[in-house]
Protein backbone atom coordinates (compact mmCIF):
# COMPACT_ATOMS: atom_id res chain seq x y z
CA MET A 1 -0.10 -0.05 -0.05
CA ARG A 2 1.38 3.51 -1.02
CA ILE A 3 -0.15 6.54 0.61
CA GLY A 4 0.67 9.99 -0.94
CA VAL A 5 0.48 13.07 1.32
CA LEU A 6 -0.17 16.38 -0.27
CA ALA A 7 3.21 18.39 0.63
CA ALA A 8 2.14 21.84 -0.70
CA GLN A 9 2.08 23.20 2.92
CA GLY A 10 1.08 22.15 6.47
CA ALA A 11 1.61 19.16 8.58
CA PHE A 12 2.50 16.72 5.84
CA LEU A 13 5.52 15.19 7.67
CA GLU A 14 3.55 14.34 10.67
CA HIS A 15 1.07 12.40 8.66
CA ILE A 16 3.99 10.56 6.83
CA ALA A 17 5.45 9.71 10.16
CA SER A 18 2.12 8.31 11.42
CA LEU A 19 1.77 6.26 8.35
CA GLN A 20 5.17 4.93 8.59
CA ARG A 21 4.60 3.76 12.15
CA LEU A 22 1.91 1.73 10.82
CA GLY A 23 4.22 0.14 8.36
CA VAL A 24 2.83 1.74 5.30
CA GLU A 25 4.86 3.43 2.49
CA ALA A 26 4.17 7.08 2.55
CA PHE A 27 5.60 9.85 0.67
CA PRO A 28 5.09 13.49 -0.18
CA VAL A 29 2.88 14.61 -3.28
CA ARG A 30 4.07 17.84 -4.83
CA LEU A 31 3.28 17.30 -8.63
CA PRO A 32 0.66 15.43 -10.66
CA ARG A 33 3.27 12.80 -11.49
CA ASP A 34 3.51 11.92 -7.87
CA LEU A 35 -0.03 10.79 -7.87
CA ALA A 36 0.60 8.01 -10.53
CA GLN A 37 0.99 5.17 -8.00
CA VAL A 38 -0.85 6.07 -4.90
CA ASP A 39 -3.59 3.82 -3.26
CA GLY A 40 -4.72 6.71 -1.23
CA LEU A 41 -4.17 10.49 -0.55
CA ILE A 42 -4.07 12.59 2.53
CA ILE A 43 -4.66 16.46 2.24
CA PRO A 44 -3.11 17.73 5.61
CA GLY A 45 -4.05 20.63 7.92
CA GLY A 46 -2.16 23.87 7.33
CA GLU A 47 -3.54 27.18 5.78
CA SER A 48 -6.33 26.34 3.36
CA THR A 49 -5.75 29.65 1.26
CA SER A 50 -2.18 28.68 0.57
CA ILE A 51 -2.87 24.89 -0.04
CA SER A 52 -5.61 25.87 -2.44
CA LYS A 53 -3.33 28.33 -4.43
CA LEU A 54 -0.53 25.93 -4.46
CA MET A 55 -2.77 23.03 -5.87
CA LEU A 56 -3.75 25.27 -8.61
CA ASP A 57 -0.33 26.59 -9.38
CA TYR A 58 1.23 22.90 -9.61
CA ASN A 59 -1.78 21.54 -11.61
CA LEU A 60 -3.03 19.12 -8.95
CA VAL A 61 -6.59 20.25 -8.60
CA GLU A 62 -8.06 18.31 -11.77
CA GLU A 63 -5.89 15.32 -11.25
CA VAL A 64 -7.07 14.84 -7.64
CA LYS A 65 -10.69 15.57 -8.60
CA ASN A 66 -10.43 12.92 -11.43
CA LEU A 67 -8.85 10.32 -8.97
CA ALA A 68 -11.55 10.95 -6.44
CA LYS A 69 -14.18 10.35 -8.98
CA ASN A 70 -12.56 7.12 -9.85
CA GLY A 71 -12.71 5.91 -6.37
CA LEU A 72 -9.35 6.89 -4.80
CA PRO A 73 -9.60 7.08 -1.04
CA ILE A 74 -8.84 10.64 0.23
CA PHE A 75 -8.41 11.75 3.80
CA GLY A 76 -8.58 15.67 4.56
CA THR A 77 -7.64 16.89 8.01
CA CYS A 78 -8.48 20.53 9.02
CA ALA A 79 -7.44 22.58 6.07
CA GLY A 80 -7.74 19.26 4.02
CA LEU A 81 -11.57 19.00 5.19
CA ILE A 82 -12.06 22.60 3.95
CA LEU A 83 -10.77 21.88 0.63
CA LEU A 84 -12.84 18.63 0.15
CA ALA A 85 -15.98 20.54 0.88
CA LYS A 86 -18.67 21.26 -1.84
CA GLU A 87 -19.21 24.78 -0.06
CA ILE A 88 -17.27 27.03 2.19
CA THR A 89 -19.41 29.62 4.02
CA ASP A 90 -16.53 32.08 4.67
CA GLY A 91 -13.81 31.05 2.28
CA ASN A 92 -14.01 33.50 -0.73
CA ARG A 93 -10.04 33.21 -1.16
CA VAL A 94 -10.29 29.30 -1.20
CA GLU A 95 -11.25 27.20 -4.12
CA PRO A 96 -12.56 23.94 -2.82
CA LEU A 97 -12.37 20.71 -4.58
CA ARG A 98 -16.07 20.25 -4.15
CA LEU A 99 -15.92 16.41 -3.61
CA MET A 100 -17.89 15.87 -0.40
CA ASP A 101 -21.52 16.96 0.10
CA ILE A 102 -20.63 19.19 3.15
CA LYS A 103 -20.83 22.76 4.10
CA VAL A 104 -17.92 24.10 5.96
CA ARG A 105 -17.01 27.13 8.20
CA ARG A 106 -13.32 28.00 8.42
CA ASN A 107 -11.68 28.96 11.80
CA ALA A 108 -15.06 28.26 13.58
CA PHE A 109 -13.60 28.46 16.98
CA GLY A 110 -11.49 31.66 16.39
CA ARG A 111 -7.85 32.50 16.27
CA GLN A 112 -4.67 30.48 17.08
CA ARG A 113 -5.12 31.10 20.78
CA GLU A 114 -8.69 29.55 20.79
CA SER A 115 -7.17 26.17 19.69
CA PHE A 116 -7.92 23.36 22.01
CA GLU A 117 -7.99 19.64 22.66
CA ALA A 118 -10.82 17.34 23.33
CA ASP A 119 -11.62 13.66 23.95
CA LEU A 120 -14.13 12.51 21.28
CA SER A 121 -16.47 9.63 21.17
CA ILE A 122 -15.80 7.97 17.89
CA PRO A 123 -17.55 4.56 17.72
CA ALA A 124 -15.94 3.69 14.42
CA LEU A 125 -12.65 3.74 16.25
CA GLY A 126 -13.87 1.67 19.24
CA ALA A 127 -14.93 2.47 22.83
CA LYS A 128 -11.84 4.41 23.92
CA PRO A 129 -12.07 8.26 23.38
CA PHE A 130 -9.93 9.77 20.68
CA HIS A 131 -7.92 12.73 22.02
CA ALA A 132 -8.29 15.31 19.19
CA VAL A 133 -6.27 18.53 18.57
CA PHE A 134 -8.15 21.46 17.12
CA ILE A 135 -6.01 24.22 15.82
CA ARG A 136 -7.86 27.18 14.23
CA ALA A 137 -10.32 24.39 13.27
CA PRO A 138 -13.24 24.39 10.86
CA ILE A 139 -16.67 22.79 11.65
CA ILE A 140 -19.00 21.07 9.43
CA GLU A 141 -22.25 23.16 9.42
CA GLN A 142 -24.30 20.94 6.99
CA ILE A 143 -24.17 17.53 5.52
CA ASP A 144 -26.06 15.85 2.72
CA SER A 145 -27.89 12.58 3.36
CA GLY A 146 -24.91 10.47 1.90
CA VAL A 147 -22.57 11.72 4.47
CA LYS A 148 -21.94 9.78 7.62
CA VAL A 149 -21.15 11.81 10.84
CA LEU A 150 -18.21 10.00 12.58
CA ALA A 151 -17.71 12.62 15.52
CA LYS A 152 -19.16 15.57 17.10
CA LEU A 153 -18.03 17.79 19.91
CA ASP A 154 -20.08 17.62 23.12
CA ASN A 155 -21.83 21.05 22.27
CA GLY A 156 -22.87 19.72 18.91
CA PRO A 157 -20.78 20.78 15.87
CA ILE A 158 -19.78 17.97 13.55
CA VAL A 159 -16.06 17.48 13.39
CA ALA A 160 -15.57 14.15 11.45
CA VAL A 161 -17.34 12.70 8.37
CA ARG A 162 -17.22 10.00 5.90
CA GLU A 163 -18.71 9.89 2.22
CA GLY A 164 -18.03 6.72 0.51
CA LYS A 165 -14.19 6.70 0.00
CA LEU A 166 -13.70 10.42 1.44
CA LEU A 167 -12.88 10.84 5.01
CA ALA A 168 -12.54 14.17 6.73
CA SER A 169 -11.72 15.60 10.21
CA ALA A 170 -11.66 19.13 11.67
CA PHE A 171 -8.91 18.01 14.03
CA HIS A 172 -5.38 16.80 13.52
CA PRO A 173 -4.91 13.07 14.29
CA GLU A 174 -1.34 13.34 13.13
CA LEU A 175 -0.29 15.56 16.16
CA THR A 176 -1.17 12.61 18.57
CA ASP A 177 0.22 9.22 19.29
CA ASP A 178 -3.15 7.51 18.68
CA LEU A 179 -2.94 6.04 15.20
CA ARG A 180 -6.58 4.75 15.09
CA PHE A 181 -7.76 7.38 12.60
CA HIS A 182 -4.98 6.80 10.25
CA GLN A 183 -5.69 3.05 10.52
CA TYR A 184 -9.36 3.63 9.78
CA PHE A 185 -8.30 5.44 6.63
CA LEU A 186 -6.00 2.51 5.59
CA ASP A 187 -8.79 0.16 6.27
CA MET A 188 -10.79 2.09 3.81
CA VAL A 189 -7.91 2.02 1.23
CA SER A 190 -7.52 -1.76 1.57
CA ARG A 191 -11.21 -2.23 0.71
CA LYS A 192 -10.73 -0.13 -2.48
């Protein structure tokens, strides 16, 4: 199994390290040719405006869209979630990929100083809570009927979803030692 991690900007090295700890070949994706042999793709957290612009500059947008439409599993975290969305309520400088039937609000909790951590109940990962790191995190404001909610915060906002072969989280699983979310994605890839 070979997993590409979009390396335009953001926490791509941390995702690669998490995947390697799970014994999977993982490598940075910077150009369309890097996508030729991937079994799955992760779009990491970072700055969604910058990642969007760099994806356009390096001709990655159409290639990623085509791969997704042909069933390539894609996992977006934080900024990656924003980019996967069909609609962004406050993202006039971000061009989303429009792959998931979700509506997202960027920086929903405020600036950097409002970043936080929370233990989430994610039944798909088992009974043990998942310790999630939220950094200038988005929330999912609306989902279509084909989207499955995986996690919500105690006060209600949706923070993790799945739609077919697409997976997205508002938090950063790569910044914890808990590899269950990455393993969940790898299980999706192996069932391709």
